[in-house]
Amino acid sequence: MRLADSLSNPSAPLLRLIKALERRGETVRALGESAVARPAVATEIKENRKLSPREVTELVVAYQQGATVSALSRRFGMHRQTVNHHLARAGVAIRSQVKMTPSRVAKAKELYEQGWSAREIGRALDVCASTVSKKLKRTGVKIRDTHGREK
């Protein structure tokens, strides 16, 4: 029986039908292969990472000593939001995400006027080039045309 010759992502009802036919002993094939294709959505379930009380303390101390949430998420093998939840449960105040303080904007403006690109400034200040460009525009800096055209 050839039910799913042209279906690269069969629907759930079709998969149930194919499995039922296969249980009855029917051979179901699609283009020479089993019609029960791998689903397009990942079915692997990742187990939650549980931290011991010692690890939570270690996470909190590292954050208080200046580690970023992203660095801690990589270090402890969990999502950034999970790190934030652990910090909140421990009563730790989350640091502001503002990376372009007025002094950093002034530095970016100075570097841009010296001929640095937004990308170079972003790398130097550890922010995205688009963040640099947006802040420069908001402070009234005329942005150079990156393609050398006259504006």
N, C-alpha and C. Protein backbone atom coordinates (compact mmCIF):
# COMPACT_ATOMS: atom_id res chain seq x y z
N MET A 1 0.85 -1.17 0.00
CA MET A 1 0.00 0.00 0.00
C MET A 1 0.89 1.23 0.00
N ARG A 2 0.61 2.21 -0.85
CA ARG A 2 1.43 3.42 -0.95
C ARG A 2 0.56 4.63 -0.59
N LEU A 3 0.55 4.98 0.69
CA LEU A 3 -0.30 6.07 1.16
C LEU A 3 0.37 7.43 1.11
N ALA A 4 1.65 7.48 1.36
CA ALA A 4 2.28 8.78 1.58
C ALA A 4 3.45 9.01 0.63
N ASP A 5 3.27 8.71 -0.65
CA ASP A 5 4.36 8.86 -1.61
C ASP A 5 4.93 10.27 -1.63
N SER A 6 4.08 11.27 -1.61
CA SER A 6 4.59 12.64 -1.79
C SER A 6 4.56 13.46 -0.51
N LEU A 7 4.30 12.83 0.61
CA LEU A 7 4.24 13.58 1.87
C LEU A 7 5.58 13.54 2.58
N SER A 8 6.22 14.68 2.68
CA SER A 8 7.51 14.72 3.38
C SER A 8 7.31 14.91 4.87
N ASN A 9 6.15 15.42 5.26
CA ASN A 9 5.86 15.65 6.67
C ASN A 9 4.43 15.20 6.94
N PRO A 10 4.22 13.88 7.09
CA PRO A 10 2.86 13.37 7.25
C PRO A 10 2.21 13.89 8.53
N SER A 11 0.89 14.07 8.46
CA SER A 11 0.14 14.57 9.62
C SER A 11 0.02 13.48 10.67
N ALA A 12 -0.35 13.89 11.87
CA ALA A 12 -0.51 12.93 12.97
C ALA A 12 -1.56 11.88 12.65
N PRO A 13 -2.74 12.25 12.09
CA PRO A 13 -3.73 11.22 11.77
C PRO A 13 -3.19 10.20 10.74
N LEU A 14 -2.45 10.69 9.76
CA LEU A 14 -1.88 9.78 8.77
C LEU A 14 -0.87 8.85 9.41
N LEU A 15 -0.04 9.37 10.31
CA LEU A 15 0.93 8.53 11.01
C LEU A 15 0.22 7.44 11.83
N ARG A 16 -0.90 7.82 12.50
CA ARG A 16 -1.65 6.83 13.28
C ARG A 16 -2.22 5.74 12.37
N LEU A 17 -2.74 6.15 11.20
CA LEU A 17 -3.28 5.19 10.24
C LEU A 17 -2.19 4.24 9.76
N ILE A 18 -1.04 4.78 9.42
CA ILE A 18 0.07 3.95 8.92
C ILE A 18 0.51 2.97 10.00
N LYS A 19 0.62 3.44 11.24
CA LYS A 19 1.02 2.55 12.33
C LYS A 19 0.00 1.45 12.55
N ALA A 20 -1.29 1.81 12.47
CA ALA A 20 -2.35 0.81 12.63
C ALA A 20 -2.26 -0.24 11.53
N LEU A 21 -2.03 0.19 10.28
CA LEU A 21 -1.89 -0.75 9.17
C LEU A 21 -0.67 -1.64 9.36
N GLU A 22 0.42 -1.06 9.84
CA GLU A 22 1.63 -1.85 10.05
C GLU A 22 1.42 -2.88 11.16
N ARG A 23 0.65 -2.52 12.20
CA ARG A 23 0.36 -3.48 13.27
C ARG A 23 -0.46 -4.66 12.74
N ARG A 24 -1.29 -4.40 11.73
CA ARG A 24 -2.09 -5.48 11.13
C ARG A 24 -1.28 -6.32 10.15
N GLY A 25 -0.03 -5.92 9.94
CA GLY A 25 0.81 -6.70 9.05
C GLY A 25 0.94 -6.13 7.65
N GLU A 26 0.27 -5.03 7.38
CA GLU A 26 0.37 -4.39 6.06
C GLU A 26 1.75 -3.76 5.90
N THR A 27 2.29 -3.82 4.71
CA THR A 27 3.56 -3.15 4.42
C THR A 27 3.23 -1.80 3.81
N VAL A 28 3.59 -0.75 4.48
CA VAL A 28 3.30 0.60 4.01
C VAL A 28 4.61 1.22 3.58
N ARG A 29 4.69 1.63 2.33
CA ARG A 29 5.93 2.18 1.78
C ARG A 29 5.65 3.50 1.06
N ALA A 30 6.64 4.39 1.10
CA ALA A 30 6.56 5.65 0.34
C ALA A 30 7.86 5.81 -0.40
N LEU A 31 7.81 5.77 -1.70
CA LEU A 31 8.99 5.91 -2.55
C LEU A 31 10.10 4.94 -2.13
N GLY A 32 9.70 3.71 -1.85
CA GLY A 32 10.69 2.68 -1.54
C GLY A 32 11.14 2.67 -0.09
N GLU A 33 10.62 3.57 0.74
CA GLU A 33 11.02 3.60 2.15
C GLU A 33 9.77 3.57 3.01
N SER A 34 9.97 3.37 4.29
CA SER A 34 8.86 3.37 5.22
C SER A 34 8.17 4.73 5.19
N ALA A 35 6.87 4.75 5.17
CA ALA A 35 6.12 6.00 5.12
C ALA A 35 6.10 6.71 6.46
N VAL A 36 6.47 6.01 7.51
CA VAL A 36 6.52 6.66 8.82
C VAL A 36 7.82 7.44 8.88
N ALA A 37 7.73 8.68 8.43
CA ALA A 37 8.91 9.54 8.35
C ALA A 37 9.22 10.13 9.72
N ARG A 38 10.43 10.61 9.85
CA ARG A 38 10.78 11.31 11.08
C ARG A 38 9.96 12.59 11.14
N PRO A 39 9.37 12.88 12.26
CA PRO A 39 8.55 14.10 12.34
C PRO A 39 9.41 15.35 12.18
N ALA A 40 8.78 16.42 11.67
CA ALA A 40 9.49 17.67 11.44
C ALA A 40 9.80 18.37 12.76
N VAL A 41 9.01 18.11 13.79
CA VAL A 41 9.21 18.73 15.09
C VAL A 41 10.08 17.80 15.93
N ALA A 42 11.02 18.37 16.62
CA ALA A 42 11.91 17.55 17.45
C ALA A 42 11.10 16.84 18.52
N THR A 43 11.34 15.55 18.66
CA THR A 43 10.61 14.79 19.66
C THR A 43 11.49 14.46 20.86
N GLU A 44 12.77 14.80 20.77
CA GLU A 44 13.66 14.54 21.88
C GLU A 44 13.33 15.50 23.01
N ILE A 45 13.11 14.96 24.18
CA ILE A 45 12.77 15.79 25.33
C ILE A 45 14.02 15.95 26.17
N LYS A 46 14.37 17.20 26.41
CA LYS A 46 15.55 17.49 27.20
C LYS A 46 15.14 17.57 28.66
N GLU A 47 15.82 16.82 29.48
CA GLU A 47 15.51 16.80 30.90
C GLU A 47 15.94 18.11 31.55
N ASN A 48 15.12 18.60 32.48
CA ASN A 48 15.47 19.83 33.19
C ASN A 48 16.73 19.63 34.00
N ARG A 49 17.54 20.65 34.03
CA ARG A 49 18.78 20.62 34.80
C ARG A 49 18.44 21.04 36.22
N LYS A 50 18.59 20.14 37.17
CA LYS A 50 18.31 20.44 38.57
C LYS A 50 19.62 20.80 39.26
N LEU A 51 19.62 21.92 39.95
CA LEU A 51 20.80 22.33 40.68
C LEU A 51 20.69 21.91 42.14
N SER A 52 21.80 21.47 42.67
CA SER A 52 21.85 21.16 44.10
C SER A 52 21.90 22.49 44.86
N PRO A 53 21.60 22.50 46.14
CA PRO A 53 21.70 23.74 46.91
C PRO A 53 23.10 24.36 46.82
N ARG A 54 24.13 23.51 46.79
CA ARG A 54 25.51 24.01 46.67
C ARG A 54 25.70 24.71 45.33
N GLU A 55 25.13 24.14 44.25
CA GLU A 55 25.26 24.75 42.93
C GLU A 55 24.50 26.07 42.84
N VAL A 56 23.34 26.14 43.49
CA VAL A 56 22.58 27.40 43.51
C VAL A 56 23.40 28.47 44.21
N THR A 57 24.02 28.11 45.32
CA THR A 57 24.87 29.06 46.04
C THR A 57 26.03 29.50 45.17
N GLU A 58 26.62 28.56 44.46
CA GLU A 58 27.74 28.86 43.55
C GLU A 58 27.28 29.82 42.44
N LEU A 59 26.09 29.56 41.89
CA LEU A 59 25.53 30.42 40.84
C LEU A 59 25.32 31.84 41.37
N VAL A 60 24.72 31.96 42.54
CA VAL A 60 24.43 33.26 43.14
C VAL A 60 25.73 34.03 43.40
N VAL A 61 26.71 33.36 43.98
CA VAL A 61 27.98 34.01 44.30
C VAL A 61 28.67 34.48 43.01
N ALA A 62 28.66 33.63 41.99
CA ALA A 62 29.29 34.00 40.71
C ALA A 62 28.61 35.22 40.10
N TYR A 63 27.26 35.26 40.19
CA TYR A 63 26.53 36.41 39.65
C TYR A 63 26.87 37.68 40.43
N GLN A 64 26.92 37.56 41.74
CA GLN A 64 27.23 38.72 42.58
C GLN A 64 28.66 39.21 42.37
N GLN A 65 29.53 38.32 41.91
CA GLN A 65 30.91 38.71 41.63
C GLN A 65 31.08 39.24 40.20
N GLY A 66 29.97 39.33 39.45
CA GLY A 66 30.04 39.97 38.14
C GLY A 66 29.81 39.08 36.94
N ALA A 67 29.62 37.78 37.14
CA ALA A 67 29.35 36.90 36.00
C ALA A 67 28.02 37.28 35.36
N THR A 68 27.92 37.16 34.06
CA THR A 68 26.68 37.49 33.37
C THR A 68 25.73 36.30 33.40
N VAL A 69 24.45 36.59 33.18
CA VAL A 69 23.45 35.53 33.14
C VAL A 69 23.76 34.57 31.99
N SER A 70 24.18 35.10 30.85
CA SER A 70 24.51 34.24 29.70
C SER A 70 25.67 33.32 30.03
N ALA A 71 26.69 33.85 30.67
CA ALA A 71 27.85 33.02 31.04
C ALA A 71 27.43 31.94 32.03
N LEU A 72 26.58 32.29 32.98
CA LEU A 72 26.12 31.31 33.96
C LEU A 72 25.23 30.25 33.32
N SER A 73 24.42 30.64 32.34
CA SER A 73 23.57 29.66 31.67
C SER A 73 24.43 28.63 30.93
N ARG A 74 25.51 29.09 30.32
CA ARG A 74 26.42 28.14 29.64
C ARG A 74 27.14 27.27 30.67
N ARG A 75 27.61 27.89 31.73
CA ARG A 75 28.38 27.17 32.75
C ARG A 75 27.55 26.07 33.43
N PHE A 76 26.28 26.37 33.73
CA PHE A 76 25.45 25.41 34.44
C PHE A 76 24.54 24.59 33.52
N GLY A 77 24.63 24.84 32.21
CA GLY A 77 23.86 24.05 31.24
C GLY A 77 22.37 24.23 31.33
N MET A 78 21.95 25.48 31.41
CA MET A 78 20.51 25.76 31.50
C MET A 78 20.20 27.06 30.77
N HIS A 79 18.93 27.31 30.58
CA HIS A 79 18.47 28.51 29.87
C HIS A 79 18.69 29.74 30.74
N ARG A 80 18.87 30.90 30.08
CA ARG A 80 19.06 32.16 30.81
C ARG A 80 17.90 32.45 31.76
N GLN A 81 16.68 32.14 31.32
CA GLN A 81 15.52 32.41 32.18
C GLN A 81 15.56 31.56 33.44
N THR A 82 16.08 30.33 33.32
CA THR A 82 16.20 29.47 34.50
C THR A 82 17.20 30.06 35.48
N VAL A 83 18.29 30.60 34.96
CA VAL A 83 19.26 31.27 35.82
C VAL A 83 18.59 32.44 36.53
N ASN A 84 17.83 33.24 35.78
CA ASN A 84 17.12 34.38 36.39
C ASN A 84 16.15 33.91 37.47
N HIS A 85 15.47 32.78 37.24
CA HIS A 85 14.54 32.27 38.25
C HIS A 85 15.28 31.86 39.53
N HIS A 86 16.43 31.20 39.36
CA HIS A 86 17.22 30.82 40.53
C HIS A 86 17.66 32.06 41.31
N LEU A 87 18.11 33.09 40.58
CA LEU A 87 18.56 34.32 41.23
C LEU A 87 17.40 35.01 41.96
N ALA A 88 16.23 35.04 41.32
CA ALA A 88 15.07 35.68 41.93
C ALA A 88 14.65 34.93 43.19
N ARG A 89 14.63 33.59 43.13
CA ARG A 89 14.27 32.80 44.31
C ARG A 89 15.26 33.01 45.46
N ALA A 90 16.50 33.31 45.10
CA ALA A 90 17.52 33.55 46.13
C ALA A 90 17.48 35.00 46.62
N GLY A 91 16.58 35.82 46.05
CA GLY A 91 16.44 37.20 46.48
C GLY A 91 17.51 38.14 45.93
N VAL A 92 18.15 37.74 44.85
CA VAL A 92 19.21 38.56 44.25
C VAL A 92 18.58 39.55 43.28
N ALA A 93 18.98 40.81 43.37
CA ALA A 93 18.51 41.83 42.44
C ALA A 93 19.24 41.65 41.11
N ILE A 94 18.47 41.56 40.04
CA ILE A 94 19.04 41.37 38.72
C ILE A 94 19.60 42.70 38.23
N ARG A 95 20.82 42.67 37.71
CA ARG A 95 21.45 43.88 37.19
C ARG A 95 20.73 44.36 35.94
N SER A 96 20.75 45.65 35.73
CA SER A 96 20.15 46.24 34.54
C SER A 96 20.86 45.76 33.29
N GLN A 97 20.11 45.64 32.20
CA GLN A 97 20.68 45.19 30.94
C GLN A 97 21.18 46.34 30.08
N VAL A 98 21.08 47.58 30.59
CA VAL A 98 21.53 48.73 29.83
C VAL A 98 23.04 48.66 29.66
N LYS A 99 23.47 48.56 28.40
CA LYS A 99 24.90 48.44 28.15
C LYS A 99 25.49 49.73 27.60
N MET A 100 24.65 50.62 27.13
CA MET A 100 25.15 51.86 26.56
C MET A 100 24.84 53.01 27.52
N THR A 101 25.66 53.13 28.53
CA THR A 101 25.54 54.22 29.49
C THR A 101 25.94 55.52 28.78
N PRO A 102 25.61 56.66 29.35
CA PRO A 102 25.99 57.92 28.72
C PRO A 102 27.50 58.03 28.46
N SER A 103 28.32 57.52 29.36
CA SER A 103 29.77 57.59 29.13
C SER A 103 30.19 56.69 27.98
N ARG A 104 29.53 55.54 27.84
CA ARG A 104 29.85 54.64 26.73
C ARG A 104 29.37 55.21 25.40
N VAL A 105 28.24 55.92 25.43
CA VAL A 105 27.75 56.57 24.21
C VAL A 105 28.73 57.65 23.79
N ALA A 106 29.24 58.42 24.75
CA ALA A 106 30.22 59.46 24.46
C ALA A 106 31.49 58.85 23.87
N LYS A 107 31.92 57.72 24.41
CA LYS A 107 33.11 57.02 23.89
C LYS A 107 32.84 56.54 22.46
N ALA A 108 31.64 55.98 22.23
CA ALA A 108 31.27 55.51 20.89
C ALA A 108 31.27 56.66 19.90
N LYS A 109 30.74 57.80 20.32
CA LYS A 109 30.69 58.99 19.46
C LYS A 109 32.10 59.44 19.11
N GLU A 110 32.98 59.46 20.09
CA GLU A 110 34.38 59.86 19.88
C GLU A 110 35.07 58.91 18.89
N LEU A 111 34.89 57.62 19.08
CA LEU A 111 35.51 56.63 18.19
C LEU A 111 34.94 56.71 16.77
N TYR A 112 33.63 56.95 16.68
CA TYR A 112 33.00 57.05 15.36
C TYR A 112 33.54 58.27 14.60
N GLU A 113 33.73 59.35 15.31
CA GLU A 113 34.27 60.56 14.69
C GLU A 113 35.73 60.38 14.28
N GLN A 114 36.43 59.41 14.90
CA GLN A 114 37.81 59.10 14.52
C GLN A 114 37.86 58.16 13.33
N GLY A 115 36.68 57.73 12.83
CA GLY A 115 36.66 56.87 11.66
C GLY A 115 36.37 55.41 11.93
N TRP A 116 36.15 55.03 13.18
CA TRP A 116 35.84 53.65 13.50
C TRP A 116 34.45 53.30 12.95
N SER A 117 34.25 52.06 12.58
CA SER A 117 32.92 51.62 12.13
C SER A 117 32.09 51.24 13.35
N ALA A 118 30.78 51.15 13.15
CA ALA A 118 29.89 50.74 14.24
C ALA A 118 30.24 49.32 14.69
N ARG A 119 30.64 48.48 13.75
CA ARG A 119 31.02 47.11 14.11
C ARG A 119 32.26 47.10 15.00
N GLU A 120 33.25 47.90 14.65
CA GLU A 120 34.48 47.96 15.44
C GLU A 120 34.20 48.51 16.85
N ILE A 121 33.35 49.53 16.90
CA ILE A 121 32.99 50.12 18.19
C ILE A 121 32.22 49.09 19.03
N GLY A 122 31.31 48.38 18.39
CA GLY A 122 30.54 47.35 19.08
C GLY A 122 31.43 46.29 19.69
N ARG A 123 32.43 45.87 18.92
CA ARG A 123 33.37 44.86 19.44
C ARG A 123 34.15 45.42 20.63
N ALA A 124 34.56 46.67 20.53
CA ALA A 124 35.34 47.28 21.61
C ALA A 124 34.50 47.46 22.88
N LEU A 125 33.21 47.75 22.71
CA LEU A 125 32.34 48.00 23.86
C LEU A 125 31.50 46.78 24.26
N ASP A 126 31.68 45.68 23.55
CA ASP A 126 30.94 44.44 23.80
C ASP A 126 29.44 44.62 23.67
N VAL A 127 29.02 45.26 22.58
CA VAL A 127 27.61 45.41 22.23
C VAL A 127 27.46 45.17 20.74
N CYS A 128 26.25 45.02 20.28
CA CYS A 128 25.98 44.83 18.85
C CYS A 128 26.23 46.13 18.09
N ALA A 129 26.65 45.99 16.84
CA ALA A 129 26.86 47.17 15.98
C ALA A 129 25.57 47.95 15.82
N SER A 130 24.43 47.24 15.75
CA SER A 130 23.15 47.94 15.59
C SER A 130 22.83 48.79 16.81
N THR A 131 23.24 48.34 17.99
CA THR A 131 23.04 49.13 19.22
C THR A 131 23.85 50.41 19.14
N VAL A 132 25.08 50.28 18.67
CA VAL A 132 25.95 51.46 18.51
C VAL A 132 25.31 52.44 17.54
N SER A 133 24.89 51.95 16.37
CA SER A 133 24.28 52.82 15.35
C SER A 133 23.05 53.54 15.88
N LYS A 134 22.17 52.79 16.56
CA LYS A 134 20.95 53.39 17.09
C LYS A 134 21.26 54.49 18.10
N LYS A 135 22.20 54.22 19.00
CA LYS A 135 22.54 55.23 20.01
C LYS A 135 23.18 56.46 19.37
N LEU A 136 24.04 56.24 18.37
CA LEU A 136 24.66 57.37 17.69
C LEU A 136 23.61 58.22 16.98
N LYS A 137 22.68 57.58 16.30
CA LYS A 137 21.61 58.31 15.60
C LYS A 137 20.77 59.12 16.58
N ARG A 138 20.46 58.52 17.73
CA ARG A 138 19.63 59.20 18.74
C ARG A 138 20.33 60.40 19.35
N THR A 139 21.66 60.39 19.31
CA THR A 139 22.39 61.54 19.86
C THR A 139 22.69 62.57 18.78
N GLY A 140 22.16 62.37 17.57
CA GLY A 140 22.30 63.35 16.50
C GLY A 140 23.52 63.19 15.62
N VAL A 141 24.26 62.10 15.75
CA VAL A 141 25.44 61.88 14.90
C VAL A 141 24.96 61.49 13.51
N LYS A 142 25.54 62.14 12.50
CA LYS A 142 25.21 61.80 11.11
C LYS A 142 25.98 60.53 10.75
N ILE A 143 25.23 59.48 10.42
CA ILE A 143 25.83 58.18 10.13
C ILE A 143 26.37 58.17 8.70
N ARG A 144 27.61 57.71 8.56
CA ARG A 144 28.22 57.61 7.24
C ARG A 144 27.55 56.52 6.43
N ASP A 145 27.54 56.68 5.11
CA ASP A 145 27.04 55.65 4.22
C ASP A 145 28.10 54.56 4.14
N THR A 146 27.75 53.37 4.51
CA THR A 146 28.73 52.27 4.55
C THR A 146 29.15 51.82 3.16
N HIS A 147 28.43 52.26 2.12
CA HIS A 147 28.76 51.85 0.75
C HIS A 147 29.48 52.94 -0.02
N GLY A 148 29.84 54.03 0.63
CA GLY A 148 30.60 55.08 0.00
C GLY A 148 29.81 56.02 -0.89
N ARG A 149 28.48 55.95 -0.82
CA ARG A 149 27.64 56.83 -1.63
C ARG A 149 27.47 58.16 -0.92
N GLU A 150 27.25 59.18 -1.69
CA GLU A 150 26.96 60.51 -1.11
C GLU A 150 25.49 60.56 -0.73
N LYS A 151 25.21 61.17 0.39
CA LYS A 151 23.80 61.29 0.83
C LYS A 151 23.29 62.67 0.56
